[in-house]
Protein backbone atom coordinates (compact mmCIF):
# COMPACT_ATOMS: atom_id res chain seq x y z
CA MET A 1 -22.79 -1.64 22.79
CA ALA A 2 -19.35 -0.10 23.37
CA LEU A 3 -17.25 1.05 20.46
CA THR A 4 -14.23 -1.13 19.65
CA ARG A 5 -10.98 -0.23 17.95
CA GLY A 6 -11.88 -2.65 15.15
CA GLN A 7 -15.18 -0.86 14.52
CA LEU A 8 -13.34 2.46 14.40
CA ILE A 9 -10.80 1.14 11.88
CA ASP A 10 -13.53 -0.44 9.74
CA ALA A 11 -15.48 2.84 9.71
CA ALA A 12 -12.34 4.75 8.75
CA VAL A 13 -11.65 2.32 5.89
CA GLY A 14 -15.26 2.75 4.75
CA VAL A 15 -15.08 6.55 4.71
CA LEU A 16 -11.69 6.49 2.98
CA SER A 17 -12.94 4.02 0.36
CA GLU A 18 -16.06 5.99 -0.40
CA PHE A 19 -14.98 9.60 -0.02
CA GLY A 20 -11.16 9.80 0.18
CA LEU A 21 -8.74 11.15 2.72
CA ALA A 22 -10.00 14.75 2.60
CA ASP A 23 -13.33 13.63 4.06
CA LEU A 24 -11.86 11.30 6.67
CA SER A 25 -12.03 13.34 9.86
CA MET A 26 -12.50 12.32 13.45
CA ARG A 27 -15.75 14.32 13.55
CA ARG A 28 -17.08 12.47 10.53
CA LEU A 29 -16.12 9.11 12.04
CA ALA A 30 -17.86 10.05 15.28
CA ARG A 31 -21.02 10.88 13.31
CA GLU A 32 -20.78 7.62 11.34
CA LEU A 33 -20.38 5.63 14.55
CA ASP A 34 -22.96 7.67 16.47
CA VAL A 35 -20.53 8.53 19.29
CA GLN A 36 -18.89 11.65 20.65
CA VAL A 37 -15.49 12.56 19.16
CA GLY A 38 -13.86 11.97 22.54
CA ALA A 39 -14.90 8.31 22.42
CA LEU A 40 -12.62 7.79 19.42
CA TYR A 41 -9.60 8.93 21.40
CA TRP A 42 -10.05 6.07 23.85
CA HIS A 43 -8.95 3.82 20.99
CA VAL A 44 -6.38 5.95 19.13
CA LYS A 45 -4.17 8.83 20.21
CA SER A 46 -4.44 10.71 16.93
CA LYS A 47 -5.76 10.59 13.39
CA GLN A 48 -2.26 9.64 12.23
CA GLU A 49 -2.25 6.60 14.50
CA LEU A 50 -5.65 5.63 13.09
CA LEU A 51 -4.31 6.00 9.54
CA VAL A 52 -1.50 3.55 10.34
CA ASP A 53 -4.14 1.03 11.38
CA VAL A 54 -6.16 1.83 8.24
CA ALA A 55 -3.09 1.16 6.05
CA SER A 56 -2.51 -2.13 7.83
CA LYS A 57 -6.17 -3.09 7.30
CA LEU A 58 -5.97 -2.21 3.59
CA LEU A 59 -3.00 -4.56 3.23
CA ASP A 60 -4.64 -7.39 5.23
CA SER A 61 -6.16 -8.74 2.01
CA VAL A 62 -2.71 -9.33 0.49
CA PRO A 63 -1.96 -13.05 0.78
CA ARG A 64 1.43 -14.05 2.15
CA PRO A 65 3.22 -15.81 -0.67
CA GLU A 66 5.23 -18.91 0.01
CA THR A 67 8.83 -18.11 0.86
CA PRO A 68 10.64 -18.38 -2.46
CA THR A 69 13.93 -20.04 -3.25
CA PRO A 70 16.72 -17.58 -4.11
CA GLY A 71 16.23 -18.14 -7.84
CA LEU A 72 12.50 -17.46 -7.68
CA ALA A 73 12.71 -14.49 -5.31
CA PRO A 74 12.61 -11.84 -8.08
CA MET A 75 9.40 -13.36 -9.45
CA ALA A 76 7.96 -13.46 -5.92
CA VAL A 77 8.83 -9.76 -5.53
CA ALA A 78 6.98 -8.91 -8.75
CA VAL A 79 3.94 -10.99 -7.77
CA LEU A 80 3.82 -9.46 -4.29
CA LEU A 81 4.00 -5.95 -5.74
CA ARG A 82 1.12 -6.78 -8.10
CA HIS A 83 -0.97 -8.03 -5.13
CA LEU A 84 -0.16 -4.86 -3.19
CA ARG A 85 -1.19 -2.71 -6.13
CA ASN A 86 -4.44 -4.62 -6.57
CA ALA A 87 -5.27 -4.23 -2.87
CA LEU A 88 -4.73 -0.47 -2.90
CA ILE A 89 -5.61 0.79 -6.38
CA THR A 90 -9.38 1.12 -5.84
CA VAL A 91 -9.16 2.90 -2.49
CA PRO A 92 -8.82 6.67 -2.92
CA ASP A 93 -5.68 8.16 -1.40
CA SER A 94 -4.47 4.73 -0.28
CA ALA A 95 -0.93 5.50 -1.46
CA GLU A 96 -0.77 8.54 0.81
CA VAL A 97 -2.13 6.55 3.76
CA VAL A 98 0.38 3.73 3.25
CA GLN A 99 3.24 6.24 2.88
CA LEU A 100 2.27 7.83 6.20
CA ALA A 101 2.13 4.42 7.88
CA LEU A 102 5.49 3.48 6.38
CA SER A 103 6.98 6.65 7.85
CA MET A 104 5.40 6.21 11.28
CA ARG A 105 5.35 2.46 11.90
CA PRO A 106 6.80 0.41 9.03
CA GLU A 107 6.71 -2.80 11.07
CA SER A 108 2.90 -2.63 11.03
CA LEU A 109 2.82 -3.26 7.27
CA ASP A 110 3.59 -6.97 7.01
CA PRO A 111 3.59 -7.24 3.19
CA LEU A 112 6.33 -4.60 2.98
CA GLY A 113 8.36 -6.70 5.41
CA TRP A 114 7.83 -9.71 3.16
CA LEU A 115 9.11 -7.65 0.25
CA LEU A 116 12.32 -6.92 2.17
CA ASP A 117 12.64 -10.60 3.11
CA PHE A 118 12.33 -11.68 -0.54
CA LEU A 119 14.98 -9.19 -1.64
CA LYS A 120 17.33 -10.60 1.00
CA ILE A 121 16.51 -14.16 -0.10
CA ALA A 122 17.44 -13.08 -3.63
CA GLY A 123 20.88 -12.27 -2.23
CA LEU A 124 20.81 -8.53 -1.69
CA PRO A 125 22.90 -7.55 1.33
CA ASP A 126 21.97 -4.91 3.89
CA PRO A 127 21.55 -2.00 3.37
CA GLU A 128 20.99 -2.52 -0.38
CA ALA A 129 17.93 -4.69 0.25
CA GLY A 130 16.38 -1.79 2.16
CA PHE A 131 17.28 0.63 -0.61
CA ALA A 132 15.75 -1.69 -3.22
CA ARG A 133 12.55 -2.01 -1.20
CA HIS A 134 12.41 1.77 -0.89
CA VAL A 135 12.67 2.21 -4.68
CA LEU A 136 10.09 -0.52 -5.36
CA VAL A 137 7.62 0.84 -2.79
CA ASN A 138 8.00 4.36 -4.19
CA HIS A 139 7.27 2.98 -7.66
CA LEU A 140 4.23 1.14 -6.28
CA LEU A 141 2.79 4.11 -4.40
CA GLY A 142 3.58 6.59 -7.17
CA SER A 143 1.89 4.33 -9.70
CA ILE A 144 -1.21 4.09 -7.54
CA ALA A 145 -1.39 7.85 -6.91
CA ALA A 146 -0.94 8.61 -10.62
CA HIS A 147 -3.61 6.07 -11.56
CA GLN A 148 -6.12 7.47 -9.08
CA GLU A 149 -5.53 11.02 -10.27
CA ALA A 150 -5.89 10.00 -13.93
CA VAL A 151 -9.10 8.08 -13.22
CA ALA A 152 -10.56 11.07 -11.37
CA LEU A 153 -9.73 13.34 -14.32
CA ALA A 154 -11.09 10.86 -16.90
CA ALA A 155 -14.27 10.04 -14.96
CA GLY A 156 -17.00 8.94 -17.32
CA GLN A 157 -14.81 8.85 -20.40
CA GLU A 158 -14.48 5.71 -22.50
CA SER A 159 -10.71 6.04 -22.48
CA SER A 160 -10.48 5.22 -18.75
CA GLN A 161 -10.37 1.44 -19.39
CA ILE A 162 -7.60 1.84 -21.96
CA LEU A 163 -5.75 4.09 -19.51
CA ALA A 164 -6.04 1.50 -16.72
CA GLU A 165 -4.65 -1.26 -18.95
CA TRP A 166 -1.79 0.98 -20.10
CA GLU A 167 -0.95 1.88 -16.50
CA ASP A 168 -0.95 -1.79 -15.45
CA SER A 169 1.56 -2.53 -18.19
CA ALA A 170 3.64 0.52 -17.26
CA PHE A 171 3.68 -0.60 -13.61
CA ASP A 172 4.86 -4.10 -14.51
CA TYR A 173 7.47 -2.63 -16.86
CA GLY A 174 8.77 -0.40 -14.07
CA VAL A 175 9.09 -3.35 -11.70
CA ARG A 176 11.04 -5.32 -14.34
CA VAL A 177 13.35 -2.38 -15.04
CA ILE A 178 14.04 -1.85 -11.34
CA LEU A 179 14.76 -5.54 -10.78
CA GLN A 180 17.01 -5.64 -13.86
CA GLY A 181 18.88 -2.61 -12.56
CA ILE A 182 19.39 -4.30 -9.21
CA SER A 183 20.57 -7.41 -11.01
CA ALA A 184 23.06 -5.40 -13.05
CA GLU A 185 24.48 -3.87 -9.87
CA HIS A 186 24.50 -7.21 -8.00
CA PRO A 187 25.01 -9.87 -10.70
CA ALA A 188 25.27 -12.74 -8.22
CA THR A 189 21.77 -11.98 -6.89
CA ILE A 190 18.55 -11.06 -8.63
């Protein structure tokens, strides 16, 4: 049976989830899929293009929230960010992969588009809505990267559960502080 782009993306997500970005090479994927490396390049031009598709696949599990009313948009932003964090937190190096995809092809990451939409619904004008999304996404990805590094360092220690709970609270606190700061700068909005 011929290799499909979907099979390639699924294999890449599997390797990333189990071993991390350092072990996600085109040669390894070819071995996993039992094909020659050249066969992979029929489906993607480069590893970076594949990583954009991997990021999109990682975010596929994030449900699209209902479009909020202006008054509920800040809550919808916080809930969406929590869903994004939950979708990415267990996948090693997912923050780095999403950051790459955001740099290369931001339109491929639907949930980050929803985040921008919700900020605009809340009343933020352009370009401030884009700036706010940028700050929130950096908080999200930084939180995930810090969590993954801390978990790797605390592997097997009892304190890792306490650490995870503390980091969840710190993430939510950061989102609230950012949204409050936006609200202070734009009182008629968020």
